[in-house]
PDB file of N, CA and C in Angstrom:
ATOM      1  N   VAL A   1     -44.654 -19.463 -71.260  1.00  0.00           N
ATOM      2  CA  VAL A   1     -43.370 -18.788 -71.100  1.00  0.00           C
ATOM      3  C   VAL A   1     -43.089 -17.969 -72.344  1.00  0.00           C
ATOM      4  N   GLN A   2     -42.733 -16.715 -72.124  1.00  0.00           N
ATOM      5  CA  GLN A   2     -42.372 -15.864 -73.253  1.00  0.00           C
ATOM      6  C   GLN A   2     -41.139 -15.043 -72.878  1.00  0.00           C
ATOM      7  N   LEU A   3     -40.193 -15.022 -73.799  1.00  0.00           N
ATOM      8  CA  LEU A   3     -38.977 -14.243 -73.644  1.00  0.00           C
ATOM      9  C   LEU A   3     -38.802 -13.398 -74.897  1.00  0.00           C
ATOM     10  N   VAL A   4     -38.632 -12.096 -74.709  1.00  0.00           N
ATOM     11  CA  VAL A   4     -38.531 -11.183 -75.843  1.00  0.00           C
ATOM     12  C   VAL A   4     -37.294 -10.314 -75.679  1.00  0.00           C
ATOM     13  N   GLU A   5     -36.329 -10.524 -76.583  1.00  0.00           N
ATOM     14  CA  GLU A   5     -35.107  -9.730 -76.550  1.00  0.00           C
ATOM     15  C   GLU A   5     -35.286  -8.450 -77.353  1.00  0.00           C
ATOM     16  N   SER A   6     -34.537  -7.448 -76.967  1.00  0.00           N
ATOM     17  CA  SER A   6     -34.512  -6.197 -77.717  1.00  0.00           C
ATOM     18  C   SER A   6     -33.171  -5.517 -77.485  1.00  0.00           C
ATOM     19  N   GLY A   7     -32.899  -4.514 -78.314  1.00  0.00           N
ATOM     20  CA  GLY A   7     -31.703  -3.709 -78.113  1.00  0.00           C
ATOM     21  C   GLY A   7     -30.568  -3.970 -79.077  1.00  0.00           C
ATOM     22  N   GLY A   8     -30.726  -4.951 -79.940  1.00  0.00           N
ATOM     23  CA  GLY A   8     -29.667  -5.227 -80.901  1.00  0.00           C
ATOM     24  C   GLY A   8     -29.541  -4.109 -81.923  1.00  0.00           C
ATOM     25  N   GLY A   9     -28.488  -4.200 -82.719  1.00  0.00           N
ATOM     26  CA  GLY A   9     -28.274  -3.204 -83.750  1.00  0.00           C
ATOM     27  C   GLY A   9     -26.879  -3.255 -84.297  1.00  0.00           C
ATOM     28  N   LEU A  10     -26.519  -2.196 -85.004  1.00  0.00           N
ATOM     29  CA  LEU A  10     -25.203  -2.074 -85.624  1.00  0.00           C
ATOM     30  C   LEU A  10     -24.360  -1.101 -84.803  1.00  0.00           C
ATOM     31  N   VAL A  11     -23.140  -1.511 -84.507  1.00  0.00           N
ATOM     32  CA  VAL A  11     -22.247  -0.672 -83.710  1.00  0.00           C
ATOM     33  C   VAL A  11     -20.829  -0.840 -84.238  1.00  0.00           C
ATOM     34  N   GLN A  12     -20.034   0.171 -84.059  1.00  0.00           N
ATOM     35  CA  GLN A  12     -18.639   0.085 -84.488  1.00  0.00           C
ATOM     36  C   GLN A  12     -17.788  -0.641 -83.448  1.00  0.00           C
ATOM     37  N   THR A  13     -16.683  -1.150 -83.893  1.00  0.00           N
ATOM     38  CA  THR A  13     -15.733  -1.782 -82.978  1.00  0.00           C
ATOM     39  C   THR A  13     -15.389  -0.820 -81.835  1.00  0.00           C
ATOM     40  N   GLY A  14     -15.420  -1.354 -80.625  1.00  0.00           N
ATOM     41  CA  GLY A  14     -15.148  -0.548 -79.447  1.00  0.00           C
ATOM     42  C   GLY A  14     -16.373   0.073 -78.826  1.00  0.00           C
ATOM     43  N   GLY A  15     -17.485  -0.036 -79.506  1.00  0.00           N
ATOM     44  CA  GLY A  15     -18.721   0.541 -79.012  1.00  0.00           C
ATOM     45  C   GLY A  15     -19.422  -0.349 -78.000  1.00  0.00           C
ATOM     46  N   SER A  16     -20.592   0.107 -77.589  1.00  0.00           N
ATOM     47  CA  SER A  16     -21.375  -0.591 -76.581  1.00  0.00           C
ATOM     48  C   SER A  16     -22.816  -0.762 -77.040  1.00  0.00           C
ATOM     49  N   LEU A  17     -23.418  -1.812 -76.528  1.00  0.00           N
ATOM     50  CA  LEU A  17     -24.854  -2.049 -76.718  1.00  0.00           C
ATOM     51  C   LEU A  17     -25.397  -2.667 -75.449  1.00  0.00           C
ATOM     52  N   ALA A  18     -26.655  -2.378 -75.186  1.00  0.00           N
ATOM     53  CA  ALA A  18     -27.323  -2.990 -74.046  1.00  0.00           C
ATOM     54  C   ALA A  18     -28.535  -3.751 -74.546  1.00  0.00           C
ATOM     55  N   LEU A  19     -28.544  -5.041 -74.299  1.00  0.00           N
ATOM     56  CA  LEU A  19     -29.667  -5.885 -74.678  1.00  0.00           C
ATOM     57  C   LEU A  19     -30.583  -6.083 -73.475  1.00  0.00           C
ATOM     58  N   SER A  20     -31.844  -6.225 -73.774  1.00  0.00           N
ATOM     59  CA  SER A  20     -32.834  -6.504 -72.742  1.00  0.00           C
ATOM     60  C   SER A  20     -33.605  -7.752 -73.110  1.00  0.00           C
ATOM     61  N   CYS A  21     -34.105  -8.417 -72.096  1.00  0.00           N
ATOM     62  CA  CYS A  21     -34.963  -9.586 -72.300  1.00  0.00           C
ATOM     63  C   CYS A  21     -36.129  -9.460 -71.327  1.00  0.00           C
ATOM     64  N   ALA A  22     -37.318  -9.346 -71.880  1.00  0.00           N
ATOM     65  CA  ALA A  22     -38.528  -9.249 -71.075  1.00  0.00           C
ATOM     66  C   ALA A  22     -39.129 -10.638 -70.932  1.00  0.00           C
ATOM     67  N   ALA A  23     -39.357 -11.045 -69.708  1.00  0.00           N
ATOM     68  CA  ALA A  23     -39.856 -12.385 -69.431  1.00  0.00           C
ATOM     69  C   ALA A  23     -41.287 -12.323 -68.916  1.00  0.00           C
ATOM     70  N   SER A  24     -42.066 -13.318 -69.277  1.00  0.00           N
ATOM     71  CA  SER A  24     -43.429 -13.400 -68.777  1.00  0.00           C
ATOM     72  C   SER A  24     -43.881 -14.851 -68.802  1.00  0.00           C
ATOM     73  N   GLY A  25     -44.926 -15.137 -68.065  1.00  0.00           N
ATOM     74  CA  GLY A  25     -45.512 -16.461 -68.090  1.00  0.00           C
ATOM     75  C   GLY A  25     -44.940 -17.443 -67.096  1.00  0.00           C
ATOM     76  N   PHE A  26     -44.055 -16.978 -66.239  1.00  0.00           N
ATOM     77  CA  PHE A  26     -43.515 -17.844 -65.201  1.00  0.00           C
ATOM     78  C   PHE A  26     -43.039 -16.963 -64.052  1.00  0.00           C
ATOM     79  N   THR A  27     -42.721 -17.612 -62.940  1.00  0.00           N
ATOM     80  CA  THR A  27     -42.255 -16.879 -61.766  1.00  0.00           C
ATOM     81  C   THR A  27     -40.788 -16.561 -61.956  1.00  0.00           C
ATOM     82  N   PHE A  28     -40.548 -15.382 -62.461  1.00  0.00           N
ATOM     83  CA  PHE A  28     -39.224 -15.014 -62.944  1.00  0.00           C
ATOM     84  C   PHE A  28     -38.159 -15.154 -61.869  1.00  0.00           C
ATOM     85  N   ASN A  29     -38.455 -14.747 -60.663  1.00  0.00           N
ATOM     86  CA  ASN A  29     -37.415 -14.702 -59.635  1.00  0.00           C
ATOM     87  C   ASN A  29     -37.034 -16.065 -59.095  1.00  0.00           C
ATOM     88  N   GLN A  30     -37.601 -17.108 -59.650  1.00  0.00           N
ATOM     89  CA  GLN A  30     -37.248 -18.461 -59.232  1.00  0.00           C
ATOM     90  C   GLN A  30     -36.269 -19.144 -60.183  1.00  0.00           C
ATOM     91  N   TYR A  31     -35.907 -18.465 -61.260  1.00  0.00           N
ATOM     92  CA  TYR A  31     -35.097 -19.121 -62.290  1.00  0.00           C
ATOM     93  C   TYR A  31     -33.831 -18.326 -62.606  1.00  0.00           C
ATOM     94  N   PRO A  32     -32.728 -19.047 -62.802  1.00  0.00           N
ATOM     95  CA  PRO A  32     -31.565 -18.386 -63.381  1.00  0.00           C
ATOM     96  C   PRO A  32     -31.870 -18.057 -64.835  1.00  0.00           C
ATOM     97  N   MET A  33     -31.165 -17.090 -65.351  1.00  0.00           N
ATOM     98  CA  MET A  33     -31.336 -16.691 -66.746  1.00  0.00           C
ATOM     99  C   MET A  33     -29.985 -16.705 -67.437  1.00  0.00           C
ATOM    100  N   THR A  34     -29.996 -17.039 -68.705  1.00  0.00           N
ATOM    101  CA  THR A  34     -28.754 -17.157 -69.455  1.00  0.00           C
ATOM    102  C   THR A  34     -28.846 -16.386 -70.764  1.00  0.00           C
ATOM    103  N   TRP A  35     -27.698 -15.969 -71.247  1.00  0.00           N
ATOM    104  CA  TRP A  35     -27.565 -15.359 -72.568  1.00  0.00           C
ATOM    105  C   TRP A  35     -26.698 -16.263 -73.442  1.00  0.00           C
ATOM    106  N   TRP A  36     -27.100 -16.378 -74.685  1.00  0.00           N
ATOM    107  CA  TRP A  36     -26.389 -17.180 -75.662  1.00  0.00           C
ATOM    108  C   TRP A  36     -26.263 -16.352 -76.941  1.00  0.00           C
ATOM    109  N   ARG A  37     -25.397 -16.802 -77.811  1.00  0.00           N
ATOM    110  CA  ARG A  37     -25.294 -16.158 -79.110  1.00  0.00           C
ATOM    111  C   ARG A  37     -24.993 -17.191 -80.184  1.00  0.00           C
ATOM    112  N   GLN A  38     -25.356 -16.842 -81.404  1.00  0.00           N
ATOM    113  CA  GLN A  38     -25.173 -17.768 -82.511  1.00  0.00           C
ATOM    114  C   GLN A  38     -24.775 -17.000 -83.756  1.00  0.00           C
ATOM    115  N   THR A  39     -23.686 -17.419 -84.364  1.00  0.00           N
ATOM    116  CA  THR A  39     -23.281 -16.881 -85.650  1.00  0.00           C
ATOM    117  C   THR A  39     -23.680 -17.871 -86.729  1.00  0.00           C
ATOM    118  N   GLN A  40     -23.792 -17.383 -87.934  1.00  0.00           N
ATOM    119  CA  GLN A  40     -24.295 -18.214 -89.028  1.00  0.00           C
ATOM    120  C   GLN A  40     -23.411 -19.440 -89.218  1.00  0.00           C
ATOM    121  N   GLY A  41     -24.051 -20.577 -89.251  1.00  0.00           N
ATOM    122  CA  GLY A  41     -23.335 -21.820 -89.505  1.00  0.00           C
ATOM    123  C   GLY A  41     -22.714 -22.452 -88.276  1.00  0.00           C
ATOM    124  N   GLN A  42     -22.909 -21.826 -87.127  1.00  0.00           N
ATOM    125  CA  GLN A  42     -22.338 -22.371 -85.900  1.00  0.00           C
ATOM    126  C   GLN A  42     -23.425 -22.636 -84.872  1.00  0.00           C
ATOM    127  N   GLU A  43     -23.107 -23.462 -83.913  1.00  0.00           N
ATOM    128  CA  GLU A  43     -24.049 -23.740 -82.841  1.00  0.00           C
ATOM    129  C   GLU A  43     -24.108 -22.544 -81.886  1.00  0.00           C
ATOM    130  N   ARG A  44     -25.193 -22.494 -81.159  1.00  0.00           N
ATOM    131  CA  ARG A  44     -25.316 -21.443 -80.152  1.00  0.00           C
ATOM    132  C   ARG A  44     -24.259 -21.629 -79.082  1.00  0.00           C
ATOM    133  N   ALA A  45     -23.697 -20.514 -78.662  1.00  0.00           N
ATOM    134  CA  ALA A  45     -22.639 -20.539 -77.658  1.00  0.00           C
ATOM    135  C   ALA A  45     -23.094 -19.777 -76.424  1.00  0.00           C
ATOM    136  N   TRP A  46     -22.781 -20.330 -75.298  1.00  0.00           N
ATOM    137  CA  TRP A  46     -23.125 -19.698 -74.023  1.00  0.00           C
ATOM    138  C   TRP A  46     -22.311 -18.422 -73.845  1.00  0.00           C
ATOM    139  N   VAL A  47     -22.989 -17.348 -73.449  1.00  0.00           N
ATOM    140  CA  VAL A  47     -22.339 -16.065 -73.196  1.00  0.00           C
ATOM    141  C   VAL A  47     -22.164 -15.853 -71.697  1.00  0.00           C
ATOM    142  N   GLY A  48     -23.226 -16.124 -70.963  1.00  0.00           N
ATOM    143  CA  GLY A  48     -23.157 -15.915 -69.526  1.00  0.00           C
ATOM    144  C   GLY A  48     -24.491 -16.199 -68.881  1.00  0.00           C
ATOM    145  N   ASP A  49     -24.493 -16.176 -67.556  1.00  0.00           N
ATOM    146  CA  ASP A  49     -25.740 -16.411 -66.848  1.00  0.00           C
ATOM    147  C   ASP A  49     -25.752 -15.671 -65.525  1.00  0.00           C
ATOM    148  N   ILE A  50     -26.928 -15.641 -64.946  1.00  0.00           N
ATOM    149  CA  ILE A  50     -27.100 -14.958 -63.668  1.00  0.00           C
ATOM    150  C   ILE A  50     -28.080 -15.761 -62.831  1.00  0.00           C
ATOM    151  N   SER A  51     -27.797 -15.859 -61.559  1.00  0.00           N
ATOM    152  CA  SER A  51     -28.643 -16.658 -60.677  1.00  0.00           C
ATOM    153  C   SER A  51     -29.989 -15.970 -60.446  1.00  0.00           C
ATOM    154  N   SER A  52     -30.883 -16.698 -59.834  1.00  0.00           N
ATOM    155  CA  SER A  52     -32.249 -16.207 -59.678  1.00  0.00           C
ATOM    156  C   SER A  52     -32.325 -14.921 -58.864  1.00  0.00           C
ATOM    157  N   ASP A  53     -31.410 -14.751 -57.924  1.00  0.00           N
ATOM    158  CA  ASP A  53     -31.446 -13.553 -57.090  1.00  0.00           C
ATOM    159  C   ASP A  53     -30.505 -12.456 -57.593  1.00  0.00           C
ATOM    160  N   GLY A  54     -29.892 -12.690 -58.721  1.00  0.00           N
ATOM    161  CA  GLY A  54     -29.024 -11.674 -59.321  1.00  0.00           C
ATOM    162  C   GLY A  54     -27.588 -11.709 -58.869  1.00  0.00           C
ATOM    163  N   SER A  55     -27.263 -12.609 -58.008  1.00  0.00           N
ATOM    164  CA  SER A  55     -25.876 -12.731 -57.577  1.00  0.00           C
ATOM    165  C   SER A  55     -25.158 -13.712 -58.492  1.00  0.00           C
ATOM    166  N   MET A  56     -23.872 -13.766 -58.358  1.00  0.00           N
ATOM    167  CA  MET A  56     -23.058 -14.765 -59.034  1.00  0.00           C
ATOM    168  C   MET A  56     -23.240 -14.819 -60.544  1.00  0.00           C
ATOM    169  N   PRO A  57     -23.111 -13.686 -61.256  1.00  0.00           N
ATOM    170  CA  PRO A  57     -23.078 -13.820 -62.715  1.00  0.00           C
ATOM    171  C   PRO A  57     -21.796 -14.519 -63.140  1.00  0.00           C
ATOM    172  N   ASP A  58     -21.880 -15.185 -64.256  1.00  0.00           N
ATOM    173  CA  ASP A  58     -20.738 -15.909 -64.783  1.00  0.00           C
ATOM    174  C   ASP A  58     -20.683 -15.671 -66.281  1.00  0.00           C
ATOM    175  N   TYR A  59     -19.490 -15.697 -66.840  1.00  0.00           N
ATOM    176  CA  TYR A  59     -19.308 -15.334 -68.237  1.00  0.00           C
ATOM    177  C   TYR A  59     -18.357 -16.280 -68.941  1.00  0.00           C
ATOM    178  N   SER A  60     -18.566 -16.406 -70.225  1.00  0.00           N
ATOM    179  CA  SER A  60     -17.632 -17.172 -71.035  1.00  0.00           C
ATOM    180  C   SER A  60     -16.343 -16.369 -71.193  1.00  0.00           C
ATOM    181  N   ASP A  61     -15.278 -17.075 -71.458  1.00  0.00           N
ATOM    182  CA  ASP A  61     -13.986 -16.407 -71.570  1.00  0.00           C
ATOM    183  C   ASP A  61     -13.938 -15.315 -72.645  1.00  0.00           C
ATOM    184  N   PRO A  62     -14.559 -15.523 -73.811  1.00  0.00           N
ATOM    185  CA  PRO A  62     -14.456 -14.485 -74.845  1.00  0.00           C
ATOM    186  C   PRO A  62     -15.065 -13.131 -74.457  1.00  0.00           C
ATOM    187  N   VAL A  63     -15.981 -13.134 -73.505  1.00  0.00           N
ATOM    188  CA  VAL A  63     -16.668 -11.885 -73.155  1.00  0.00           C
ATOM    189  C   VAL A  63     -16.339 -11.391 -71.754  1.00  0.00           C
ATOM    190  N   LYS A  64     -15.630 -12.191 -71.002  1.00  0.00           N
ATOM    191  CA  LYS A  64     -15.326 -11.830 -69.618  1.00  0.00           C
ATOM    192  C   LYS A  64     -14.564 -10.504 -69.575  1.00  0.00           C
ATOM    193  N   GLY A  65     -15.002  -9.619 -68.700  1.00  0.00           N
ATOM    194  CA  GLY A  65     -14.382  -8.308 -68.589  1.00  0.00           C
ATOM    195  C   GLY A  65     -14.976  -7.266 -69.510  1.00  0.00           C
ATOM    196  N   ARG A  66     -15.785  -7.683 -70.478  1.00  0.00           N
ATOM    197  CA  ARG A  66     -16.400  -6.735 -71.414  1.00  0.00           C
ATOM    198  C   ARG A  66     -17.922  -6.724 -71.301  1.00  0.00           C
ATOM    199  N   PHE A  67     -18.505  -7.858 -70.995  1.00  0.00           N
ATOM    200  CA  PHE A  67     -19.961  -7.986 -70.892  1.00  0.00           C
ATOM    201  C   PHE A  67     -20.355  -8.131 -69.426  1.00  0.00           C
ATOM    202  N   SER A  68     -21.551  -7.668 -69.123  1.00  0.00           N
ATOM    203  CA  SER A  68     -22.084  -7.881 -67.778  1.00  0.00           C
ATOM    204  C   SER A  68     -23.576  -8.146 -67.864  1.00  0.00           C
ATOM    205  N   ILE A  69     -24.023  -9.011 -66.971  1.00  0.00           N
ATOM    206  CA  ILE A  69     -25.431  -9.405 -66.926  1.00  0.00           C
ATOM    207  C   ILE A  69     -26.037  -8.912 -65.622  1.00  0.00           C
ATOM    208  N   ALA A  70     -27.222  -8.381 -65.728  1.00  0.00           N
ATOM    209  CA  ALA A  70     -27.966  -7.940 -64.551  1.00  0.00           C
ATOM    210  C   ALA A  70     -29.424  -8.320 -64.737  1.00  0.00           C
ATOM    211  N   ARG A  71     -30.163  -8.287 -63.655  1.00  0.00           N
ATOM    212  CA  ARG A  71     -31.592  -8.589 -63.748  1.00  0.00           C
ATOM    213  C   ARG A  71     -32.359  -7.705 -62.781  1.00  0.00           C
ATOM    214  N   ASP A  72     -33.606  -7.493 -63.124  1.00  0.00           N
ATOM    215  CA  ASP A  72     -34.528  -6.745 -62.267  1.00  0.00           C
ATOM    216  C   ASP A  72     -35.728  -7.649 -62.026  1.00  0.00           C
ATOM    217  N   ASN A  73     -35.764  -8.292 -60.890  1.00  0.00           N
ATOM    218  CA  ASN A  73     -36.841  -9.243 -60.616  1.00  0.00           C
ATOM    219  C   ASN A  73     -38.191  -8.555 -60.433  1.00  0.00           C
ATOM    220  N   ALA A  74     -38.173  -7.296 -60.084  1.00  0.00           N
ATOM    221  CA  ALA A  74     -39.436  -6.570 -59.942  1.00  0.00           C
ATOM    222  C   ALA A  74     -40.084  -6.311 -61.302  1.00  0.00           C
ATOM    223  N   ARG A  75     -39.265  -6.224 -62.325  1.00  0.00           N
ATOM    224  CA  ARG A  75     -39.760  -5.940 -63.678  1.00  0.00           C
ATOM    225  C   ARG A  75     -39.682  -7.136 -64.610  1.00  0.00           C
ATOM    226  N   ASN A  76     -39.226  -8.274 -64.102  1.00  0.00           N
ATOM    227  CA  ASN A  76     -39.089  -9.486 -64.926  1.00  0.00           C
ATOM    228  C   ASN A  76     -38.205  -9.224 -66.150  1.00  0.00           C
ATOM    229  N   MET A  77     -37.083  -8.595 -65.899  1.00  0.00           N
ATOM    230  CA  MET A  77     -36.170  -8.242 -66.979  1.00  0.00           C
ATOM    231  C   MET A  77     -34.775  -8.768 -66.684  1.00  0.00           C
ATOM    232  N   VAL A  78     -34.078  -9.148 -67.733  1.00  0.00           N
ATOM    233  CA  VAL A  78     -32.667  -9.477 -67.635  1.00  0.00           C
ATOM    234  C   VAL A  78     -31.946  -8.706 -68.735  1.00  0.00           C
ATOM    235  N   TYR A  79     -30.734  -8.270 -68.412  1.00  0.00           N
ATOM    236  CA  TYR A  79     -29.998  -7.372 -69.296  1.00  0.00           C
ATOM    237  C   TYR A  79     -28.616  -7.930 -69.615  1.00  0.00           C
ATOM    238  N   LEU A  80     -28.139  -7.558 -70.780  1.00  0.00           N
ATOM    239  CA  LEU A  80     -26.769  -7.881 -71.167  1.00  0.00           C
ATOM    240  C   LEU A  80     -26.124  -6.584 -71.644  1.00  0.00           C
ATOM    241  N   GLN A  81     -25.211  -6.070 -70.844  1.00  0.00           N
ATOM    242  CA  GLN A  81     -24.461  -4.883 -71.222  1.00  0.00           C
ATOM    243  C   GLN A  81     -23.183  -5.332 -71.912  1.00  0.00           C
ATOM    244  N   MET A  82     -22.974  -4.846 -73.121  1.00  0.00           N
ATOM    245  CA  MET A  82     -21.824  -5.269 -73.913  1.00  0.00           C
ATOM    246  C   MET A  82     -20.960  -4.043 -74.208  1.00  0.00           C
ATOM    247  N   ASN A  83     -19.746  -4.091 -73.735  1.00  0.00           N
ATOM    248  CA  ASN A  83     -18.806  -2.987 -73.933  1.00  0.00           C
ATOM    249  C   ASN A  83     -17.600  -3.462 -74.740  1.00  0.00           C
ATOM    250  N   ASN A  84     -16.903  -2.497 -75.299  1.00  0.00           N
ATOM    251  CA  ASN A  84     -15.694  -2.797 -76.080  1.00  0.00           C
ATOM    252  C   ASN A  84     -15.969  -3.916 -77.091  1.00  0.00           C
ATOM    253  N   LEU A  85     -17.019  -3.732 -77.853  1.00  0.00           N
ATOM    254  CA  LEU A  85     -17.441  -4.766 -78.793  1.00  0.00           C
ATOM    255  C   LEU A  85     -16.429  -4.968 -79.903  1.00  0.00           C
ATOM    256  N   LYS A  86     -16.353  -6.209 -80.357  1.00  0.00           N
ATOM    257  CA  LYS A  86     -15.422  -6.615 -81.410  1.00  0.00           C
ATOM    258  C   LYS A  86     -16.212  -7.238 -82.560  1.00  0.00           C
ATOM    259  N   PRO A  87     -15.646  -7.253 -83.752  1.00  0.00           N
ATOM    260  CA  PRO A  87     -16.361  -7.877 -84.883  1.00  0.00           C
ATOM    261  C   PRO A  87     -16.755  -9.325 -84.600  1.00  0.00           C
ATOM    262  N   GLU A  88     -15.957 -10.030 -83.843  1.00  0.00           N
ATOM    263  CA  GLU A  88     -16.288 -11.423 -83.537  1.00  0.00           C
ATOM    264  C   GLU A  88     -17.458 -11.572 -82.561  1.00  0.00           C
ATOM    265  N   ASP A  89     -17.940 -10.466 -82.022  1.00  0.00           N
ATOM    266  CA  ASP A  89     -19.150 -10.497 -81.198  1.00  0.00           C
ATOM    267  C   ASP A  89     -20.419 -10.467 -82.054  1.00  0.00           C
ATOM    268  N   THR A  90     -20.267 -10.261 -83.342  1.00  0.00           N
ATOM    269  CA  THR A  90     -21.415 -10.252 -84.242  1.00  0.00           C
ATOM    270  C   THR A  90     -22.132 -11.589 -84.177  1.00  0.00           C
ATOM    271  N   ALA A  91     -23.420 -11.548 -83.880  1.00  0.00           N
ATOM    272  CA  ALA A  91     -24.200 -12.768 -83.703  1.00  0.00           C
ATOM    273  C   ALA A  91     -25.651 -12.387 -83.427  1.00  0.00           C
ATOM    274  N   VAL A  92     -26.493 -13.401 -83.444  1.00  0.00           N
ATOM    275  CA  VAL A  92     -27.839 -13.249 -82.894  1.00  0.00           C
ATOM    276  C   VAL A  92     -27.758 -13.636 -81.421  1.00  0.00           C
ATOM    277  N   TYR A  93     -28.269 -12.779 -80.572  1.00  0.00           N
ATOM    278  CA  TYR A  93     -28.200 -12.997 -79.133  1.00  0.00           C
ATOM    279  C   TYR A  93     -29.571 -13.420 -78.603  1.00  0.00           C
ATOM    280  N   TYR A  94     -29.531 -14.453 -77.779  1.00  0.00           N
ATOM    281  CA  TYR A  94     -30.756 -15.029 -77.231  1.00  0.00           C
ATOM    282  C   TYR A  94     -30.708 -15.038 -75.707  1.00  0.00           C
ATOM    283  N   CYS A  95     -31.847 -14.820 -75.093  1.00  0.00           N
ATOM    284  CA  CYS A  95     -31.940 -15.134 -73.673  1.00  0.00           C
ATOM    285  C   CYS A  95     -32.690 -16.448 -73.526  1.00  0.00           C
ATOM    286  N   ARG A  96     -32.421 -17.097 -72.441  1.00  0.00           N
ATOM    287  CA  ARG A  96     -32.951 -18.439 -72.192  1.00  0.00           C
ATOM    288  C   ARG A  96     -33.250 -18.576 -70.723  1.00  0.00           C
ATOM    289  N   ARG A  97     -34.307 -19.251 -70.412  1.00  0.00           N
ATOM    290  CA  ARG A  97     -34.621 -19.506 -69.019  1.00  0.00           C
ATOM    291  C   ARG A  97     -33.794 -20.697 -68.556  1.00  0.00           C
ATOM    292  N   GLY A  98     -32.786 -20.413 -67.777  1.00  0.00           N
ATOM    293  CA  GLY A  98     -31.936 -21.454 -67.225  1.00  0.00           C
ATOM    294  C   GLY A  98     -31.419 -22.383 -68.307  1.00  0.00           C
ATOM    295  N   LYS A  99     -31.616 -23.666 -68.093  1.00  0.00           N
ATOM    296  CA  LYS A  99     -31.212 -24.685 -69.064  1.00  0.00           C
ATOM    297  C   LYS A  99     -32.426 -25.293 -69.753  1.00  0.00           C
ATOM    298  N   SER A 100     -33.522 -24.558 -69.739  1.00  0.00           N
ATOM    299  CA  SER A 100     -34.764 -25.070 -70.303  1.00  0.00           C
ATOM    300  C   SER A 100     -34.778 -24.939 -71.820  1.00  0.00           C
ATOM    301  N   ASP A 101     -35.892 -25.358 -72.403  1.00  0.00           N
ATOM    302  CA  ASP A 101     -36.102 -25.208 -73.840  1.00  0.00           C
ATOM    303  C   ASP A 101     -36.788 -23.895 -74.186  1.00  0.00           C
ATOM    304  N   HIS A 102     -36.868 -23.005 -73.220  1.00  0.00           N
ATOM    305  CA  HIS A 102     -37.535 -21.728 -73.452  1.00  0.00           C
ATOM    306  C   HIS A 102     -36.502 -20.664 -73.823  1.00  0.00           C
ATOM    307  N   TRP A 103     -36.613 -20.215 -75.075  1.00  0.00           N
ATOM    308  CA  TRP A 103     -35.700 -19.231 -75.639  1.00  0.00           C
ATOM    309  C   TRP A 103     -36.505 -18.047 -76.176  1.00  0.00           C
ATOM    310  N   GLY A 104     -35.849 -16.913 -76.255  1.00  0.00           N
ATOM    311  CA  GLY A 104     -36.427 -15.804 -76.976  1.00  0.00           C
ATOM    312  C   GLY A 104     -36.214 -15.981 -78.471  1.00  0.00           C
ATOM    313  N   GLN A 105     -36.679 -14.997 -79.222  1.00  0.00           N
ATOM    314  CA  GLN A 105     -36.566 -15.066 -80.679  1.00  0.00           C
ATOM    315  C   GLN A 105     -35.218 -14.581 -81.183  1.00  0.00           C
ATOM    316  N   GLY A 106     -34.477 -13.918 -80.312  1.00  0.00           N
ATOM    317  CA  GLY A 106     -33.153 -13.434 -80.675  1.00  0.00           C
ATOM    318  C   GLY A 106     -33.155 -11.997 -81.168  1.00  0.00           C
ATOM    319  N   THR A 107     -32.018 -11.359 -81.004  1.00  0.00           N
ATOM    320  CA  THR A 107     -31.826 -10.006 -81.516  1.00  0.00           C
ATOM    321  C   THR A 107     -30.439  -9.920 -82.141  1.00  0.00           C
ATOM    322  N   GLN A 108     -30.374  -9.326 -83.316  1.00  0.00           N
ATOM    323  CA  GLN A 108     -29.127  -9.299 -84.074  1.00  0.00           C
ATOM    324  C   GLN A 108     -28.212  -8.192 -83.570  1.00  0.00           C
ATOM    325  N   VAL A 109     -26.968  -8.559 -83.336  1.00  0.00           N
ATOM    326  CA  VAL A 109     -25.918  -7.589 -83.012  1.00  0.00           C
ATOM    327  C   VAL A 109     -24.850  -7.690 -84.094  1.00  0.00           C
ATOM    328  N   THR A 110     -24.556  -6.565 -84.700  1.00  0.00           N
ATOM    329  CA  THR A 110     -23.534  -6.521 -85.736  1.00  0.00           C
ATOM    330  C   THR A 110     -22.494  -5.477 -85.358  1.00  0.00           C
ATOM    331  N   VAL A 111     -21.246  -5.923 -85.321  1.00  0.00           N
ATOM    332  CA  VAL A 111     -20.145  -5.030 -84.970  1.00  0.00           C
ATOM    333  C   VAL A 111     -19.281  -4.837 -86.210  1.00  0.00           C
ATOM    334  N   SER A 112     -19.210  -3.623 -86.665  1.00  0.00           N
ATOM    335  CA  SER A 112     -18.432  -3.339 -87.869  1.00  0.00           C
ATOM    336  C   SER A 112     -16.972  -3.062 -87.499  1.00  0.00           C
ATOM    337  N   ALA A 113     -16.103  -3.451 -88.426  1.00  0.00           N
ATOM    338  CA  ALA A 113     -14.668  -3.273 -88.173  1.00  0.00           C
ATOM    339  C   ALA A 113     -14.266  -1.805 -88.312  1.00  0.00           C
TER     340      ALA A 113
END
């Protein structure tokens, strides 16, 4: 199992970023996918998830209405679109296969005030 995130970077408050996660080594369309984030000194926090068929995305309260998750099962990709970013969104963002121990390496998102 391999998960590789990309798309992080530096953005100003109110800006947008789109993260991608490329999955390989398993039957992608059989698993839900989740996004998490971690700030220094804190535990990883759940951001949102999407079911195996791409329906029923769900989001944590801090990002609801600003972030959206999508997936492309033909390309084994899952995406996190982040809009109206805030400084408190600054974190390393990870994708994860469902509730498994399979995580990507993370991608840094920094939102400047």
